[in-house]
């Protein structure tokens, strides 16, 4: 699956990532996904989510648009780890940068699959 830009996710007509059909709203797309593709895994990035990256000198600015349920899960995980949310996010990004595919395979073996669908 290809990482899309925020502009692609904020398009006027949301698009089904499985069949390519266009919809008038995010709600209509979500209804389509649950009825037309019920046995499919939910997408990692929903049509109303995304990330925008801006390069500013020695730094990169990243803006992330996510569902509130994912945000609440991140806050809960930071509290469980007795870390600030900044520390949790940067530790996760550091682990991903350092271990790459090994980190992904390790997270896939966890008994509880991460999800933020309510």
C-alpha atoms as a PDB file:
ATOM      1  CA  UNK A   1       0.000   0.000   0.000  1.00  0.00           C
ATOM      2  CA  UNK A   2       1.333   3.441  -0.986  1.00  0.00           C
ATOM      3  CA  UNK A   3       1.536   6.346   1.487  1.00  0.00           C
ATOM      4  CA  UNK A   4      -0.673   9.151   0.193  1.00  0.00           C
ATOM      5  CA  UNK A   5      -0.400  12.864   0.812  1.00  0.00           C
ATOM      6  CA  UNK A   6      -2.872  14.822   2.919  1.00  0.00           C
ATOM      7  CA  UNK A   7      -4.196  16.465  -0.251  1.00  0.00           C
ATOM      8  CA  UNK A   8      -5.053  13.069  -1.725  1.00  0.00           C
ATOM      9  CA  UNK A   9      -6.933  12.108   1.444  1.00  0.00           C
ATOM     10  CA  UNK A  10      -8.794  15.409   1.560  1.00  0.00           C
ATOM     11  CA  UNK A  11     -10.034  15.112  -2.012  1.00  0.00           C
ATOM     12  CA  UNK A  12     -13.590  16.234  -2.687  1.00  0.00           C
ATOM     13  CA  UNK A  13     -14.791  12.716  -3.416  1.00  0.00           C
ATOM     14  CA  UNK A  14     -13.366   9.992  -1.159  1.00  0.00           C
ATOM     15  CA  UNK A  15     -12.255   6.879  -3.029  1.00  0.00           C
ATOM     16  CA  UNK A  16     -12.498   3.222  -2.003  1.00  0.00           C
ATOM     17  CA  UNK A  17      -8.960   1.840  -1.730  1.00  0.00           C
ATOM     18  CA  UNK A  18     -10.213  -1.617  -2.789  1.00  0.00           C
ATOM     19  CA  UNK A  19     -12.425  -1.031  -5.844  1.00  0.00           C
ATOM     20  CA  UNK A  20     -11.737   2.614  -6.733  1.00  0.00           C
ATOM     21  CA  UNK A  21     -15.352   3.766  -6.484  1.00  0.00           C
ATOM     22  CA  UNK A  22     -15.835   7.470  -5.600  1.00  0.00           C
ATOM     23  CA  UNK A  23     -18.233   8.694  -2.897  1.00  0.00           C
ATOM     24  CA  UNK A  24     -19.823  11.992  -1.885  1.00  0.00           C
ATOM     25  CA  UNK A  25     -18.744  11.757   1.761  1.00  0.00           C
ATOM     26  CA  UNK A  26     -16.501   9.881   4.179  1.00  0.00           C
ATOM     27  CA  UNK A  27     -19.610   8.416   5.824  1.00  0.00           C
ATOM     28  CA  UNK A  28     -20.769   6.994   2.481  1.00  0.00           C
ATOM     29  CA  UNK A  29     -17.323   5.486   1.892  1.00  0.00           C
ATOM     30  CA  UNK A  30     -17.295   3.859   5.333  1.00  0.00           C
ATOM     31  CA  UNK A  31     -20.783   2.426   4.728  1.00  0.00           C
ATOM     32  CA  UNK A  32     -19.610   1.047   1.372  1.00  0.00           C
ATOM     33  CA  UNK A  33     -16.535  -0.550   2.965  1.00  0.00           C
ATOM     34  CA  UNK A  34     -18.595  -2.344   5.607  1.00  0.00           C
ATOM     35  CA  UNK A  35     -21.234  -3.588   3.124  1.00  0.00           C
ATOM     36  CA  UNK A  36     -19.318  -4.215  -0.118  1.00  0.00           C
ATOM     37  CA  UNK A  37     -16.054  -5.442   1.423  1.00  0.00           C
ATOM     38  CA  UNK A  38     -17.045  -6.976   4.791  1.00  0.00           C
ATOM     39  CA  UNK A  39     -14.235  -9.553   4.935  1.00  0.00           C
ATOM     40  CA  UNK A  40     -11.428  -7.085   4.257  1.00  0.00           C
ATOM     41  CA  UNK A  41      -9.075  -5.801   6.934  1.00  0.00           C
ATOM     42  CA  UNK A  42      -9.780  -2.175   7.816  1.00  0.00           C
ATOM     43  CA  UNK A  43      -7.368   0.276   6.168  1.00  0.00           C
ATOM     44  CA  UNK A  44      -4.372   1.531   8.144  1.00  0.00           C
ATOM     45  CA  UNK A  45      -5.160   5.085   7.070  1.00  0.00           C
ATOM     46  CA  UNK A  46      -8.776   6.113   6.610  1.00  0.00           C
ATOM     47  CA  UNK A  47      -9.935   8.522   3.917  1.00  0.00           C
ATOM     48  CA  UNK A  48     -10.197  11.434   6.368  1.00  0.00           C
ATOM     49  CA  UNK A  49      -6.707  10.877   7.825  1.00  0.00           C
ATOM     50  CA  UNK A  50      -3.254  11.684   6.544  1.00  0.00           C
ATOM     51  CA  UNK A  51       0.110  13.286   7.075  1.00  0.00           C
ATOM     52  CA  UNK A  52       1.746  16.411   5.673  1.00  0.00           C
ATOM     53  CA  UNK A  53       5.529  16.896   5.833  1.00  0.00           C
ATOM     54  CA  UNK A  54       7.310  20.232   5.427  1.00  0.00           C
ATOM     55  CA  UNK A  55      11.095  20.565   5.301  1.00  0.00           C
ATOM     56  CA  UNK A  56      12.383  23.526   7.328  1.00  0.00           C
ATOM     57  CA  UNK A  57      16.176  23.723   7.327  1.00  0.00           C
ATOM     58  CA  UNK A  58      17.614  21.038   9.607  1.00  0.00           C
ATOM     59  CA  UNK A  59      14.159  19.993  10.786  1.00  0.00           C
ATOM     60  CA  UNK A  60      11.083  18.404   9.316  1.00  0.00           C
ATOM     61  CA  UNK A  61       7.624  19.508  10.427  1.00  0.00           C
ATOM     62  CA  UNK A  62       4.997  16.782  10.398  1.00  0.00           C
ATOM     63  CA  UNK A  63       1.262  17.429  10.693  1.00  0.00           C
ATOM     64  CA  UNK A  64      -0.886  14.366  11.307  1.00  0.00           C
ATOM     65  CA  UNK A  65      -4.651  14.191  10.953  1.00  0.00           C
ATOM     66  CA  UNK A  66      -6.039  11.165  12.833  1.00  0.00           C
ATOM     67  CA  UNK A  67      -9.251   9.979  14.352  1.00  0.00           C
ATOM     68  CA  UNK A  68      -9.936  10.993  17.932  1.00  0.00           C
ATOM     69  CA  UNK A  69     -10.107   7.341  19.008  1.00  0.00           C
ATOM     70  CA  UNK A  70      -6.515   6.787  17.851  1.00  0.00           C
ATOM     71  CA  UNK A  71      -5.428   9.932  19.714  1.00  0.00           C
ATOM     72  CA  UNK A  72      -7.089   8.696  22.919  1.00  0.00           C
ATOM     73  CA  UNK A  73      -5.360   5.311  22.516  1.00  0.00           C
ATOM     74  CA  UNK A  74      -1.988   7.062  22.154  1.00  0.00           C
ATOM     75  CA  UNK A  75      -2.634   9.145  25.270  1.00  0.00           C
ATOM     76  CA  UNK A  76      -3.580   5.990  27.201  1.00  0.00           C
ATOM     77  CA  UNK A  77      -0.450   4.133  26.035  1.00  0.00           C
ATOM     78  CA  UNK A  78       1.761   7.067  27.080  1.00  0.00           C
ATOM     79  CA  UNK A  79       0.124   7.132  30.507  1.00  0.00           C
ATOM     80  CA  UNK A  80       0.565   3.348  30.905  1.00  0.00           C
ATOM     81  CA  UNK A  81       4.260   3.694  30.015  1.00  0.00           C
ATOM     82  CA  UNK A  82       4.595   6.670  32.376  1.00  0.00           C
ATOM     83  CA  UNK A  83       5.907   8.800  29.517  1.00  0.00           C
ATOM     84  CA  UNK A  84       4.883  12.050  27.932  1.00  0.00           C
ATOM     85  CA  UNK A  85       3.149  11.744  24.585  1.00  0.00           C
ATOM     86  CA  UNK A  86       6.193  13.394  22.944  1.00  0.00           C
ATOM     87  CA  UNK A  87       8.499  10.740  24.429  1.00  0.00           C
ATOM     88  CA  UNK A  88       6.217   7.906  23.307  1.00  0.00           C
ATOM     89  CA  UNK A  89       5.966   9.198  19.722  1.00  0.00           C
ATOM     90  CA  UNK A  90       9.694   9.872  19.397  1.00  0.00           C
ATOM     91  CA  UNK A  91      10.621   6.514  20.938  1.00  0.00           C
ATOM     92  CA  UNK A  92       8.311   4.768  18.459  1.00  0.00           C
ATOM     93  CA  UNK A  93       9.761   6.697  15.506  1.00  0.00           C
ATOM     94  CA  UNK A  94      13.307   5.983  16.725  1.00  0.00           C
ATOM     95  CA  UNK A  95      12.565   2.253  17.010  1.00  0.00           C
ATOM     96  CA  UNK A  96      11.061   2.209  13.528  1.00  0.00           C
ATOM     97  CA  UNK A  97      14.075   4.064  12.090  1.00  0.00           C
ATOM     98  CA  UNK A  98      16.555   1.812  13.912  1.00  0.00           C
ATOM     99  CA  UNK A  99      14.922  -1.582  13.369  1.00  0.00           C
ATOM    100  CA  UNK A 100      12.698  -1.074  10.305  1.00  0.00           C
ATOM    101  CA  UNK A 101      11.108  -4.315   9.135  1.00  0.00           C
ATOM    102  CA  UNK A 102      12.251  -6.174  12.264  1.00  0.00           C
ATOM    103  CA  UNK A 103      10.179  -3.779  14.385  1.00  0.00           C
ATOM    104  CA  UNK A 104       7.159  -4.270  12.118  1.00  0.00           C
ATOM    105  CA  UNK A 105       7.446  -8.063  12.344  1.00  0.00           C
ATOM    106  CA  UNK A 106       7.733  -7.868  16.136  1.00  0.00           C
ATOM    107  CA  UNK A 107       4.568  -5.766  16.401  1.00  0.00           C
ATOM    108  CA  UNK A 108       2.704  -8.188  14.120  1.00  0.00           C
ATOM    109  CA  UNK A 109       3.396 -11.039  16.548  1.00  0.00           C
ATOM    110  CA  UNK A 110       1.652  -9.284  19.423  1.00  0.00           C
ATOM    111  CA  UNK A 111      -1.453 -11.138  20.596  1.00  0.00           C
ATOM    112  CA  UNK A 112      -3.595  -7.985  20.619  1.00  0.00           C
ATOM    113  CA  UNK A 113      -3.788  -6.387  17.191  1.00  0.00           C
ATOM    114  CA  UNK A 114      -3.931  -2.583  17.360  1.00  0.00           C
ATOM    115  CA  UNK A 115      -7.161  -1.041  16.145  1.00  0.00           C
ATOM    116  CA  UNK A 116      -9.050   2.159  16.706  1.00  0.00           C
ATOM    117  CA  UNK A 117     -12.366   1.387  15.100  1.00  0.00           C
ATOM    118  CA  UNK A 118     -15.312   2.125  17.369  1.00  0.00           C
END
